[in-house]
Amino acid sequence: MSTGPTAFQVHAADNVATLLDHADAGTALRIIGAAQEKEITAQEAIALGHKIAVAPIAEGAEVTKFGVVIGIATRAIAPGVWVHLHNCRSQLDERSGSFDLHTGAPGDNAHG
């Protein structure tokens, strides 16, 4: 098992884990937590605190963390891919698919 970067999977049914370290593309990550410990390869650079897919997530499928749905995949997401605003949207705010990838600012300039 890898001694490099680690990600934490909160609930055994979660399809994402949260990085506890920065990971570069091609880096083997150790997934720890509620599920059986495993290793996946980061498919792109992913920053500390961000989510990584630990299982395939189909377009339109639920993204789960903490054992609950936190969003909907806007495209297919393979294991090892960064899960963020570019491929996941909120069920509560339809505008979330247009948020700026890095700042989270709404792209439609709507306020309120």
PDB file of N, CA and C in Angstrom:
ATOM      1  N   MET A   1       0.852  -1.190   0.000  1.00  0.00           N
ATOM      2  CA  MET A   1       0.000   0.000   0.000  1.00  0.00           C
ATOM      3  C   MET A   1       0.890   1.242   0.000  1.00  0.00           C
ATOM      4  N   SER A   2       0.426   2.276  -0.663  1.00  0.00           N
ATOM      5  CA  SER A   2       1.154   3.531  -0.815  1.00  0.00           C
ATOM      6  C   SER A   2       1.442   4.195   0.527  1.00  0.00           C
ATOM      7  N   THR A   3       2.587   4.871   0.616  1.00  0.00           N
ATOM      8  CA  THR A   3       2.894   5.684   1.789  1.00  0.00           C
ATOM      9  C   THR A   3       2.799   7.164   1.434  1.00  0.00           C
ATOM     10  N   GLY A   4       2.275   7.462   0.234  1.00  0.00           N
ATOM     11  CA  GLY A   4       2.132   8.835  -0.240  1.00  0.00           C
ATOM     12  C   GLY A   4       0.875   9.488   0.287  1.00  0.00           C
ATOM     13  N   PRO A   5       0.281  10.363  -0.521  1.00  0.00           N
ATOM     14  CA  PRO A   5      -0.909  11.097  -0.104  1.00  0.00           C
ATOM     15  C   PRO A   5      -2.068  10.173   0.295  1.00  0.00           C
ATOM     16  N   THR A   6      -2.918  10.702   1.171  1.00  0.00           N
ATOM     17  CA  THR A   6      -4.047   9.947   1.715  1.00  0.00           C
ATOM     18  C   THR A   6      -5.332  10.730   1.507  1.00  0.00           C
ATOM     19  N   ALA A   7      -6.435   9.994   1.334  1.00  0.00           N
ATOM     20  CA  ALA A   7      -7.771  10.594   1.284  1.00  0.00           C
ATOM     21  C   ALA A   7      -8.661   9.824   2.248  1.00  0.00           C
ATOM     22  N   PHE A   8      -9.640  10.507   2.815  1.00  0.00           N
ATOM     23  CA  PHE A   8     -10.515   9.911   3.819  1.00  0.00           C
ATOM     24  C   PHE A   8     -11.924   9.737   3.267  1.00  0.00           C
ATOM     25  N   GLN A   9     -12.405   8.501   3.293  1.00  0.00           N
ATOM     26  CA  GLN A   9     -13.768   8.168   2.878  1.00  0.00           C
ATOM     27  C   GLN A   9     -14.594   8.050   4.157  1.00  0.00           C
ATOM     28  N   VAL A  10     -15.531   8.968   4.358  1.00  0.00           N
ATOM     29  CA  VAL A  10     -16.270   9.063   5.613  1.00  0.00           C
ATOM     30  C   VAL A  10     -17.174   7.859   5.849  1.00  0.00           C
ATOM     31  N   HIS A  11     -17.953   7.475   4.855  1.00  0.00           N
ATOM     32  CA  HIS A  11     -18.955   6.414   4.976  1.00  0.00           C
ATOM     33  C   HIS A  11     -18.650   5.333   3.939  1.00  0.00           C
ATOM     34  N   ALA A  12     -18.878   4.092   4.278  1.00  0.00           N
ATOM     35  CA  ALA A  12     -18.556   2.984   3.368  1.00  0.00           C
ATOM     36  C   ALA A  12     -19.280   3.094   2.025  1.00  0.00           C
ATOM     37  N   ALA A  13     -20.461   3.722   1.990  1.00  0.00           N
ATOM     38  CA  ALA A  13     -21.233   3.849   0.744  1.00  0.00           C
ATOM     39  C   ALA A  13     -20.864   5.098  -0.064  1.00  0.00           C
ATOM     40  N   ASP A  14     -19.979   5.950   0.446  1.00  0.00           N
ATOM     41  CA  ASP A  14     -19.590   7.169  -0.271  1.00  0.00           C
ATOM     42  C   ASP A  14     -18.868   6.828  -1.569  1.00  0.00           C
ATOM     43  N   ASN A  15     -19.113   7.632  -2.605  1.00  0.00           N
ATOM     44  CA  ASN A  15     -18.376   7.438  -3.861  1.00  0.00           C
ATOM     45  C   ASN A  15     -17.303   8.507  -4.055  1.00  0.00           C
ATOM     46  N   VAL A  16     -17.065   9.305  -3.008  1.00  0.00           N
ATOM     47  CA  VAL A  16     -15.962  10.266  -2.996  1.00  0.00           C
ATOM     48  C   VAL A  16     -15.229  10.170  -1.658  1.00  0.00           C
ATOM     49  N   ALA A  17     -13.987  10.638  -1.678  1.00  0.00           N
ATOM     50  CA  ALA A  17     -13.190  10.763  -0.463  1.00  0.00           C
ATOM     51  C   ALA A  17     -12.561  12.148  -0.481  1.00  0.00           C
ATOM     52  N   THR A  18     -12.153  12.641   0.683  1.00  0.00           N
ATOM     53  CA  THR A  18     -11.561  13.970   0.807  1.00  0.00           C
ATOM     54  C   THR A  18     -10.057  13.844   0.987  1.00  0.00           C
ATOM     55  N   LEU A  19      -9.302  14.594   0.157  1.00  0.00           N
ATOM     56  CA  LEU A  19      -7.846  14.518   0.245  1.00  0.00           C
ATOM     57  C   LEU A  19      -7.326  15.149   1.531  1.00  0.00           C
ATOM     58  N   LEU A  20      -6.431  14.419   2.186  1.00  0.00           N
ATOM     59  CA  LEU A  20      -5.775  14.909   3.397  1.00  0.00           C
ATOM     60  C   LEU A  20      -4.405  15.490   3.076  1.00  0.00           C
ATOM     61  N   ASP A  21      -4.018  15.380   1.801  1.00  0.00           N
ATOM     62  CA  ASP A  21      -2.754  15.899   1.278  1.00  0.00           C
ATOM     63  C   ASP A  21      -3.019  16.343  -0.159  1.00  0.00           C
ATOM     64  N   HIS A  22      -2.124  17.137  -0.723  1.00  0.00           N
ATOM     65  CA  HIS A  22      -2.192  17.452  -2.153  1.00  0.00           C
ATOM     66  C   HIS A  22      -1.745  16.213  -2.922  1.00  0.00           C
ATOM     67  N   ALA A  23      -2.351  15.972  -4.077  1.00  0.00           N
ATOM     68  CA  ALA A  23      -1.940  14.857  -4.936  1.00  0.00           C
ATOM     69  C   ALA A  23      -1.702  15.359  -6.349  1.00  0.00           C
ATOM     70  N   ASP A  24      -0.613  14.958  -6.938  1.00  0.00           N
ATOM     71  CA  ASP A  24      -0.326  15.267  -8.339  1.00  0.00           C
ATOM     72  C   ASP A  24      -0.937  14.199  -9.231  1.00  0.00           C
ATOM     73  N   ALA A  25      -1.141  14.518 -10.496  1.00  0.00           N
ATOM     74  CA  ALA A  25      -1.644  13.533 -11.462  1.00  0.00           C
ATOM     75  C   ALA A  25      -0.703  12.337 -11.488  1.00  0.00           C
ATOM     76  N   GLY A  26      -1.277  11.143 -11.496  1.00  0.00           N
ATOM     77  CA  GLY A  26      -0.494   9.916 -11.541  1.00  0.00           C
ATOM     78  C   GLY A  26      -0.032   9.405 -10.191  1.00  0.00           C
ATOM     79  N   THR A  27      -0.363  10.144  -9.131  1.00  0.00           N
ATOM     80  CA  THR A  27       0.042   9.761  -7.784  1.00  0.00           C
ATOM     81  C   THR A  27      -0.882   8.690  -7.222  1.00  0.00           C
ATOM     82  N   ALA A  28      -0.309   7.664  -6.614  1.00  0.00           N
ATOM     83  CA  ALA A  28      -1.096   6.651  -5.915  1.00  0.00           C
ATOM     84  C   ALA A  28      -1.561   7.231  -4.590  1.00  0.00           C
ATOM     85  N   LEU A  29      -2.865   7.117  -4.327  1.00  0.00           N
ATOM     86  CA  LEU A  29      -3.460   7.628  -3.088  1.00  0.00           C
ATOM     87  C   LEU A  29      -3.983   6.474  -2.250  1.00  0.00           C
ATOM     88  N   ARG A  30      -3.740   6.536  -0.969  1.00  0.00           N
ATOM     89  CA  ARG A  30      -4.290   5.548  -0.049  1.00  0.00           C
ATOM     90  C   ARG A  30      -5.631   6.091   0.449  1.00  0.00           C
ATOM     91  N   ILE A  31      -6.696   5.314   0.276  1.00  0.00           N
ATOM     92  CA  ILE A  31      -8.025   5.697   0.743  1.00  0.00           C
ATOM     93  C   ILE A  31      -8.260   4.989   2.069  1.00  0.00           C
ATOM     94  N   ILE A  32      -8.493   5.778   3.122  1.00  0.00           N
ATOM     95  CA  ILE A  32      -8.732   5.229   4.447  1.00  0.00           C
ATOM     96  C   ILE A  32     -10.117   5.663   4.919  1.00  0.00           C
ATOM     97  N   GLY A  33     -10.593   5.075   5.991  1.00  0.00           N
ATOM     98  CA  GLY A  33     -11.866   5.487   6.567  1.00  0.00           C
ATOM     99  C   GLY A  33     -12.786   4.320   6.785  1.00  0.00           C
ATOM    100  N   ALA A  34     -14.081   4.574   6.597  1.00  0.00           N
ATOM    101  CA  ALA A  34     -15.117   3.596   6.916  1.00  0.00           C
ATOM    102  C   ALA A  34     -15.099   2.375   6.011  1.00  0.00           C
ATOM    103  N   ALA A  35     -14.722   2.554   4.760  1.00  0.00           N
ATOM    104  CA  ALA A  35     -14.678   1.429   3.819  1.00  0.00           C
ATOM    105  C   ALA A  35     -13.345   0.696   3.979  1.00  0.00           C
ATOM    106  N   GLN A  36     -13.235  -0.431   3.326  1.00  0.00           N
ATOM    107  CA  GLN A  36     -11.977  -1.172   3.335  1.00  0.00           C
ATOM    108  C   GLN A  36     -10.893  -0.312   2.704  1.00  0.00           C
ATOM    109  N   GLU A  37      -9.734  -0.251   3.332  1.00  0.00           N
ATOM    110  CA  GLU A  37      -8.635   0.553   2.805  1.00  0.00           C
ATOM    111  C   GLU A  37      -8.277   0.076   1.406  1.00  0.00           C
ATOM    112  N   LYS A  38      -8.052   1.051   0.499  1.00  0.00           N
ATOM    113  CA  LYS A  38      -7.690   0.711  -0.873  1.00  0.00           C
ATOM    114  C   LYS A  38      -6.789   1.794  -1.426  1.00  0.00           C
ATOM    115  N   GLU A  39      -6.330   1.585  -2.649  1.00  0.00           N
ATOM    116  CA  GLU A  39      -5.469   2.552  -3.300  1.00  0.00           C
ATOM    117  C   GLU A  39      -6.044   2.878  -4.678  1.00  0.00           C
ATOM    118  N   ILE A  40      -6.043   4.164  -5.031  1.00  0.00           N
ATOM    119  CA  ILE A  40      -6.431   4.590  -6.374  1.00  0.00           C
ATOM    120  C   ILE A  40      -5.383   5.586  -6.868  1.00  0.00           C
ATOM    121  N   THR A  41      -5.383   5.837  -8.155  1.00  0.00           N
ATOM    122  CA  THR A  41      -4.442   6.778  -8.748  1.00  0.00           C
ATOM    123  C   THR A  41      -5.164   8.066  -9.101  1.00  0.00           C
ATOM    124  N   ALA A  42      -4.612   9.182  -8.656  1.00  0.00           N
ATOM    125  CA  ALA A  42      -5.168  10.494  -9.010  1.00  0.00           C
ATOM    126  C   ALA A  42      -4.989  10.700 -10.507  1.00  0.00           C
ATOM    127  N   GLN A  43      -6.069  11.020 -11.202  1.00  0.00           N
ATOM    128  CA  GLN A  43      -6.030  11.216 -12.647  1.00  0.00           C
ATOM    129  C   GLN A  43      -5.644  12.643 -13.036  1.00  0.00           C
ATOM    130  N   GLU A  44      -5.611  13.522 -12.032  1.00  0.00           N
ATOM    131  CA  GLU A  44      -5.237  14.922 -12.235  1.00  0.00           C
ATOM    132  C   GLU A  44      -4.772  15.469 -10.896  1.00  0.00           C
ATOM    133  N   ALA A  45      -4.164  16.633 -10.882  1.00  0.00           N
ATOM    134  CA  ALA A  45      -3.756  17.254  -9.622  1.00  0.00           C
ATOM    135  C   ALA A  45      -5.009  17.619  -8.828  1.00  0.00           C
ATOM    136  N   ILE A  46      -4.995  17.293  -7.536  1.00  0.00           N
ATOM    137  CA  ILE A  46      -6.136  17.580  -6.672  1.00  0.00           C
ATOM    138  C   ILE A  46      -5.592  18.154  -5.365  1.00  0.00           C
ATOM    139  N   ALA A  47      -6.139  19.288  -4.954  1.00  0.00           N
ATOM    140  CA  ALA A  47      -5.649  19.991  -3.775  1.00  0.00           C
ATOM    141  C   ALA A  47      -6.174  19.376  -2.474  1.00  0.00           C
ATOM    142  N   LEU A  48      -5.410  19.572  -1.436  1.00  0.00           N
ATOM    143  CA  LEU A  48      -5.798  19.210  -0.078  1.00  0.00           C
ATOM    144  C   LEU A  48      -7.217  19.696   0.206  1.00  0.00           C
ATOM    145  N   GLY A  49      -8.055  18.845   0.773  1.00  0.00           N
ATOM    146  CA  GLY A  49      -9.410  19.232   1.152  1.00  0.00           C
ATOM    147  C   GLY A  49     -10.455  19.041   0.063  1.00  0.00           C
ATOM    148  N   HIS A  50     -10.013  18.751  -1.164  1.00  0.00           N
ATOM    149  CA  HIS A  50     -10.959  18.546  -2.255  1.00  0.00           C
ATOM    150  C   HIS A  50     -11.343  17.073  -2.362  1.00  0.00           C
ATOM    151  N   LYS A  51     -12.397  16.792  -3.124  1.00  0.00           N
ATOM    152  CA  LYS A  51     -12.927  15.436  -3.249  1.00  0.00           C
ATOM    153  C   LYS A  51     -12.363  14.724  -4.473  1.00  0.00           C
ATOM    154  N   ILE A  52     -12.188  13.415  -4.316  1.00  0.00           N
ATOM    155  CA  ILE A  52     -11.759  12.541  -5.394  1.00  0.00           C
ATOM    156  C   ILE A  52     -12.763  11.401  -5.500  1.00  0.00           C
ATOM    157  N   ALA A  53     -13.108  11.020  -6.713  1.00  0.00           N
ATOM    158  CA  ALA A  53     -14.021   9.891  -6.906  1.00  0.00           C
ATOM    159  C   ALA A  53     -13.288   8.599  -6.553  1.00  0.00           C
ATOM    160  N   VAL A  54     -13.940   7.746  -5.767  1.00  0.00           N
ATOM    161  CA  VAL A  54     -13.356   6.451  -5.406  1.00  0.00           C
ATOM    162  C   VAL A  54     -14.090   5.302  -6.094  1.00  0.00           C
ATOM    163  N   ALA A  55     -15.110   5.639  -6.858  1.00  0.00           N
ATOM    164  CA  ALA A  55     -15.890   4.673  -7.632  1.00  0.00           C
ATOM    165  C   ALA A  55     -16.413   5.409  -8.862  1.00  0.00           C
ATOM    166  N   PRO A  56     -16.772   4.679  -9.920  1.00  0.00           N
ATOM    167  CA  PRO A  56     -17.359   5.355 -11.077  1.00  0.00           C
ATOM    168  C   PRO A  56     -18.679   6.025 -10.696  1.00  0.00           C
ATOM    169  N   ILE A  57     -18.886   7.239 -11.207  1.00  0.00           N
ATOM    170  CA  ILE A  57     -20.128   7.979 -10.971  1.00  0.00           C
ATOM    171  C   ILE A  57     -20.673   8.359 -12.344  1.00  0.00           C
ATOM    172  N   ALA A  58     -21.835   7.838 -12.680  1.00  0.00           N
ATOM    173  CA  ALA A  58     -22.434   8.104 -13.992  1.00  0.00           C
ATOM    174  C   ALA A  58     -23.000   9.521 -14.053  1.00  0.00           C
ATOM    175  N   GLU A  59     -23.073  10.074 -15.257  1.00  0.00           N
ATOM    176  CA  GLU A  59     -23.722  11.371 -15.434  1.00  0.00           C
ATOM    177  C   GLU A  59     -25.145  11.282 -14.903  1.00  0.00           C
ATOM    178  N   GLY A  60     -25.544  12.251 -14.086  1.00  0.00           N
ATOM    179  CA  GLY A  60     -26.877  12.276 -13.493  1.00  0.00           C
ATOM    180  C   GLY A  60     -27.000  11.482 -12.206  1.00  0.00           C
ATOM    181  N   ALA A  61     -25.938  10.773 -11.823  1.00  0.00           N
ATOM    182  CA  ALA A  61     -25.969   9.968 -10.596  1.00  0.00           C
ATOM    183  C   ALA A  61     -25.672  10.837  -9.375  1.00  0.00           C
ATOM    184  N   GLU A  62     -26.067  10.335  -8.223  1.00  0.00           N
ATOM    185  CA  GLU A  62     -25.831  11.039  -6.966  1.00  0.00           C
ATOM    186  C   GLU A  62     -24.369  10.935  -6.552  1.00  0.00           C
ATOM    187  N   VAL A  63     -23.834  12.037  -6.049  1.00  0.00           N
ATOM    188  CA  VAL A  63     -22.504  12.071  -5.451  1.00  0.00           C
ATOM    189  C   VAL A  63     -22.741  12.002  -3.943  1.00  0.00           C
ATOM    190  N   THR A  64     -22.131  11.016  -3.280  1.00  0.00           N
ATOM    191  CA  THR A  64     -22.394  10.814  -1.860  1.00  0.00           C
ATOM    192  C   THR A  64     -21.143  11.004  -1.013  1.00  0.00           C
ATOM    193  N   LYS A  65     -21.334  11.701   0.102  1.00  0.00           N
ATOM    194  CA  LYS A  65     -20.296  11.920   1.107  1.00  0.00           C
ATOM    195  C   LYS A  65     -21.024  11.967   2.443  1.00  0.00           C
ATOM    196  N   PHE A  66     -20.428  11.494   3.482  1.00  0.00           N
ATOM    197  CA  PHE A  66     -21.060  11.411   4.808  1.00  0.00           C
ATOM    198  C   PHE A  66     -22.248  10.447   4.792  1.00  0.00           C
ATOM    199  N   GLY A  67     -22.351   9.612   3.746  1.00  0.00           N
ATOM    200  CA  GLY A  67     -23.490   8.711   3.616  1.00  0.00           C
ATOM    201  C   GLY A  67     -24.744   9.390   3.110  1.00  0.00           C
ATOM    202  N   VAL A  68     -24.634  10.641   2.652  1.00  0.00           N
ATOM    203  CA  VAL A  68     -25.782  11.377   2.126  1.00  0.00           C
ATOM    204  C   VAL A  68     -25.431  11.980   0.766  1.00  0.00           C
ATOM    205  N   VAL A  69     -26.447  12.312  -0.001  1.00  0.00           N
ATOM    206  CA  VAL A  69     -26.248  12.923  -1.313  1.00  0.00           C
ATOM    207  C   VAL A  69     -25.810  14.373  -1.126  1.00  0.00           C
ATOM    208  N   ILE A  70     -24.686  14.726  -1.758  1.00  0.00           N
ATOM    209  CA  ILE A  70     -24.200  16.114  -1.686  1.00  0.00           C
ATOM    210  C   ILE A  70     -24.282  16.812  -3.032  1.00  0.00           C
ATOM    211  N   GLY A  71     -24.649  16.061  -4.084  1.00  0.00           N
ATOM    212  CA  GLY A  71     -24.752  16.667  -5.398  1.00  0.00           C
ATOM    213  C   GLY A  71     -25.088  15.643  -6.457  1.00  0.00           C
ATOM    214  N   ILE A  72     -25.137  16.124  -7.696  1.00  0.00           N
ATOM    215  CA  ILE A  72     -25.445  15.302  -8.861  1.00  0.00           C
ATOM    216  C   ILE A  72     -24.309  15.470  -9.870  1.00  0.00           C
ATOM    217  N   ALA A  73     -23.825  14.373 -10.419  1.00  0.00           N
ATOM    218  CA  ALA A  73     -22.763  14.434 -11.419  1.00  0.00           C
ATOM    219  C   ALA A  73     -23.315  15.020 -12.713  1.00  0.00           C
ATOM    220  N   THR A  74     -22.636  16.024 -13.257  1.00  0.00           N
ATOM    221  CA  THR A  74     -23.064  16.644 -14.511  1.00  0.00           C
ATOM    222  C   THR A  74     -22.411  15.979 -15.717  1.00  0.00           C
ATOM    223  N   ARG A  75     -21.516  15.046 -15.466  1.00  0.00           N
ATOM    224  CA  ARG A  75     -20.881  14.219 -16.502  1.00  0.00           C
ATOM    225  C   ARG A  75     -20.358  12.968 -15.802  1.00  0.00           C
ATOM    226  N   ALA A  76     -20.007  11.967 -16.563  1.00  0.00           N
ATOM    227  CA  ALA A  76     -19.438  10.747 -15.976  1.00  0.00           C
ATOM    228  C   ALA A  76     -18.115  11.094 -15.295  1.00  0.00           C
ATOM    229  N   ILE A  77     -17.904  10.513 -14.122  1.00  0.00           N
ATOM    230  CA  ILE A  77     -16.694  10.774 -13.342  1.00  0.00           C
ATOM    231  C   ILE A  77     -16.045   9.426 -13.027  1.00  0.00           C
ATOM    232  N   ALA A  78     -14.812   9.257 -13.473  1.00  0.00           N
ATOM    233  CA  ALA A  78     -14.080   8.015 -13.246  1.00  0.00           C
ATOM    234  C   ALA A  78     -13.362   8.050 -11.893  1.00  0.00           C
ATOM    235  N   PRO A  79     -13.073   6.891 -11.320  1.00  0.00           N
ATOM    236  CA  PRO A  79     -12.275   6.859 -10.090  1.00  0.00           C
ATOM    237  C   PRO A  79     -10.952   7.595 -10.302  1.00  0.00           C
ATOM    238  N   GLY A  80     -10.553   8.376  -9.302  1.00  0.00           N
ATOM    239  CA  GLY A  80      -9.310   9.126  -9.384  1.00  0.00           C
ATOM    240  C   GLY A  80      -9.461  10.531  -9.922  1.00  0.00           C
ATOM    241  N   VAL A  81     -10.676  10.907 -10.322  1.00  0.00           N
ATOM    242  CA  VAL A  81     -10.931  12.240 -10.886  1.00  0.00           C
ATOM    243  C   VAL A  81     -11.407  13.192  -9.783  1.00  0.00           C
ATOM    244  N   TRP A  82     -10.974  14.434  -9.885  1.00  0.00           N
ATOM    245  CA  TRP A  82     -11.386  15.508  -8.974  1.00  0.00           C
ATOM    246  C   TRP A  82     -12.886  15.726  -9.117  1.00  0.00           C
ATOM    247  N   VAL A  83     -13.607  15.763  -8.006  1.00  0.00           N
ATOM    248  CA  VAL A  83     -15.052  16.019  -8.010  1.00  0.00           C
ATOM    249  C   VAL A  83     -15.254  17.421  -7.443  1.00  0.00           C
ATOM    250  N   HIS A  84     -15.752  18.316  -8.313  1.00  0.00           N
ATOM    251  CA  HIS A  84     -15.890  19.723  -7.923  1.00  0.00           C
ATOM    252  C   HIS A  84     -16.928  20.378  -8.832  1.00  0.00           C
ATOM    253  N   LEU A  85     -16.936  21.681  -8.907  1.00  0.00           N
ATOM    254  CA  LEU A  85     -17.957  22.439  -9.631  1.00  0.00           C
ATOM    255  C   LEU A  85     -18.017  22.144 -11.129  1.00  0.00           C
ATOM    256  N   HIS A  86     -16.954  21.656 -11.707  1.00  0.00           N
ATOM    257  CA  HIS A  86     -16.916  21.395 -13.154  1.00  0.00           C
ATOM    258  C   HIS A  86     -17.606  20.087 -13.539  1.00  0.00           C
ATOM    259  N   ASN A  87     -17.887  19.218 -12.554  1.00  0.00           N
ATOM    260  CA  ASN A  87     -18.518  17.944 -12.878  1.00  0.00           C
ATOM    261  C   ASN A  87     -19.585  17.514 -11.869  1.00  0.00           C
ATOM    262  N   CYS A  88     -19.979  18.442 -11.011  1.00  0.00           N
ATOM    263  CA  CYS A  88     -20.977  18.158  -9.974  1.00  0.00           C
ATOM    264  C   CYS A  88     -21.783  19.423  -9.708  1.00  0.00           C
ATOM    265  N   ARG A  89     -23.082  19.259  -9.507  1.00  0.00           N
ATOM    266  CA  ARG A  89     -23.914  20.420  -9.178  1.00  0.00           C
ATOM    267  C   ARG A  89     -24.751  20.112  -7.939  1.00  0.00           C
ATOM    268  N   SER A  90     -25.204  21.144  -7.310  1.00  0.00           N
ATOM    269  CA  SER A  90     -26.065  21.026  -6.143  1.00  0.00           C
ATOM    270  C   SER A  90     -27.472  20.648  -6.557  1.00  0.00           C
ATOM    271  N   GLN A  91     -28.157  19.920  -5.716  1.00  0.00           N
ATOM    272  CA  GLN A  91     -29.584  19.660  -5.916  1.00  0.00           C
ATOM    273  C   GLN A  91     -30.406  20.848  -5.441  1.00  0.00           C
ATOM    274  N   LEU A  92     -29.786  21.732  -4.664  1.00  0.00           N
ATOM    275  CA  LEU A  92     -30.502  22.829  -4.023  1.00  0.00           C
ATOM    276  C   LEU A  92     -30.389  24.152  -4.770  1.00  0.00           C
ATOM    277  N   ASP A  93     -29.392  24.296  -5.613  1.00  0.00           N
ATOM    278  CA  ASP A  93     -29.181  25.549  -6.333  1.00  0.00           C
ATOM    279  C   ASP A  93     -28.838  25.222  -7.780  1.00  0.00           C
ATOM    280  N   GLU A  94     -29.779  25.398  -8.674  1.00  0.00           N
ATOM    281  CA  GLU A  94     -29.582  25.066 -10.087  1.00  0.00           C
ATOM    282  C   GLU A  94     -28.458  25.882 -10.712  1.00  0.00           C
ATOM    283  N   ARG A  95     -28.118  27.033 -10.111  1.00  0.00           N
ATOM    284  CA  ARG A  95     -27.036  27.865 -10.635  1.00  0.00           C
ATOM    285  C   ARG A  95     -25.668  27.259 -10.373  1.00  0.00           C
ATOM    286  N   SER A  96     -25.567  26.278  -9.480  1.00  0.00           N
ATOM    287  CA  SER A  96     -24.264  25.771  -9.053  1.00  0.00           C
ATOM    288  C   SER A  96     -23.422  25.243 -10.205  1.00  0.00           C
ATOM    289  N   GLY A  97     -24.043  24.809 -11.281  1.00  0.00           N
ATOM    290  CA  GLY A  97     -23.291  24.331 -12.430  1.00  0.00           C
ATOM    291  C   GLY A  97     -22.550  25.428 -13.162  1.00  0.00           C
ATOM    292  N   SER A  98     -22.867  26.699 -12.861  1.00  0.00           N
ATOM    293  CA  SER A  98     -22.199  27.819 -13.527  1.00  0.00           C
ATOM    294  C   SER A  98     -21.246  28.559 -12.593  1.00  0.00           C
ATOM    295  N   PHE A  99     -21.030  28.048 -11.374  1.00  0.00           N
ATOM    296  CA  PHE A  99     -20.114  28.700 -10.440  1.00  0.00           C
ATOM    297  C   PHE A  99     -18.685  28.630 -10.975  1.00  0.00           C
ATOM    298  N   ASP A 100     -17.892  29.674 -10.698  1.00  0.00           N
ATOM    299  CA  ASP A 100     -16.491  29.691 -11.086  1.00  0.00           C
ATOM    300  C   ASP A 100     -15.762  28.544 -10.402  1.00  0.00           C
ATOM    301  N   LEU A 101     -14.981  27.808 -11.153  1.00  0.00           N
ATOM    302  CA  LEU A 101     -14.306  26.615 -10.669  1.00  0.00           C
ATOM    303  C   LEU A 101     -13.405  26.886  -9.469  1.00  0.00           C
ATOM    304  N   HIS A 102     -12.753  28.027  -9.422  1.00  0.00           N
ATOM    305  CA  HIS A 102     -11.781  28.297  -8.362  1.00  0.00           C
ATOM    306  C   HIS A 102     -12.299  29.186  -7.249  1.00  0.00           C
ATOM    307  N   THR A 103     -13.186  30.128  -7.573  1.00  0.00           N
ATOM    308  CA  THR A 103     -13.677  31.034  -6.538  1.00  0.00           C
ATOM    309  C   THR A 103     -15.045  30.638  -5.995  1.00  0.00           C
ATOM    310  N   GLY A 104     -15.809  29.869  -6.778  1.00  0.00           N
ATOM    311  CA  GLY A 104     -17.157  29.507  -6.372  1.00  0.00           C
ATOM    312  C   GLY A 104     -18.175  30.608  -6.641  1.00  0.00           C
ATOM    313  N   ALA A 105     -17.751  31.707  -7.256  1.00  0.00           N
ATOM    314  CA  ALA A 105     -18.656  32.830  -7.530  1.00  0.00           C
ATOM    315  C   ALA A 105     -19.656  32.425  -8.607  1.00  0.00           C
ATOM    316  N   PRO A 106     -20.927  32.854  -8.453  1.00  0.00           N
ATOM    317  CA  PRO A 106     -21.930  32.544  -9.478  1.00  0.00           C
ATOM    318  C   PRO A 106     -21.558  33.179 -10.808  1.00  0.00           C
ATOM    319  N   GLY A 107     -21.717  32.434 -11.888  1.00  0.00           N
ATOM    320  CA  GLY A 107     -21.390  32.946 -13.210  1.00  0.00           C
ATOM    321  C   GLY A 107     -22.492  33.791 -13.810  1.00  0.00           C
ATOM    322  N   ASP A 108     -23.673  33.763 -13.190  1.00  0.00           N
ATOM    323  CA  ASP A 108     -24.798  34.525 -13.749  1.00  0.00           C
ATOM    324  C   ASP A 108     -24.953  35.892 -13.100  1.00  0.00           C
ATOM    325  N   ASN A 109     -24.051  36.225 -12.175  1.00  0.00           N
ATOM    326  CA  ASN A 109     -24.060  37.523 -11.480  1.00  0.00           C
ATOM    327  C   ASN A 109     -25.332  37.781 -10.702  1.00  0.00           C
ATOM    328  N   ALA A 110     -26.136  36.752 -10.464  1.00  0.00           N
ATOM    329  CA  ALA A 110     -27.355  36.924  -9.672  1.00  0.00           C
ATOM    330  C   ALA A 110     -26.969  37.038  -8.193  1.00  0.00           C
ATOM    331  N   HIS A 111     -27.669  37.849  -7.493  1.00  0.00           N
ATOM    332  CA  HIS A 111     -27.417  38.016  -6.062  1.00  0.00           C
ATOM    333  C   HIS A 111     -28.682  37.625  -5.311  1.00  0.00           C
ATOM    334  N   GLY A 112     -28.474  37.020  -4.141  1.00  0.00           N
ATOM    335  CA  GLY A 112     -29.616  36.728  -3.296  1.00  0.00           C
ATOM    336  C   GLY A 112     -30.039  35.343  -3.423  1.00  0.00           C
TER     337      GLY A 112
END
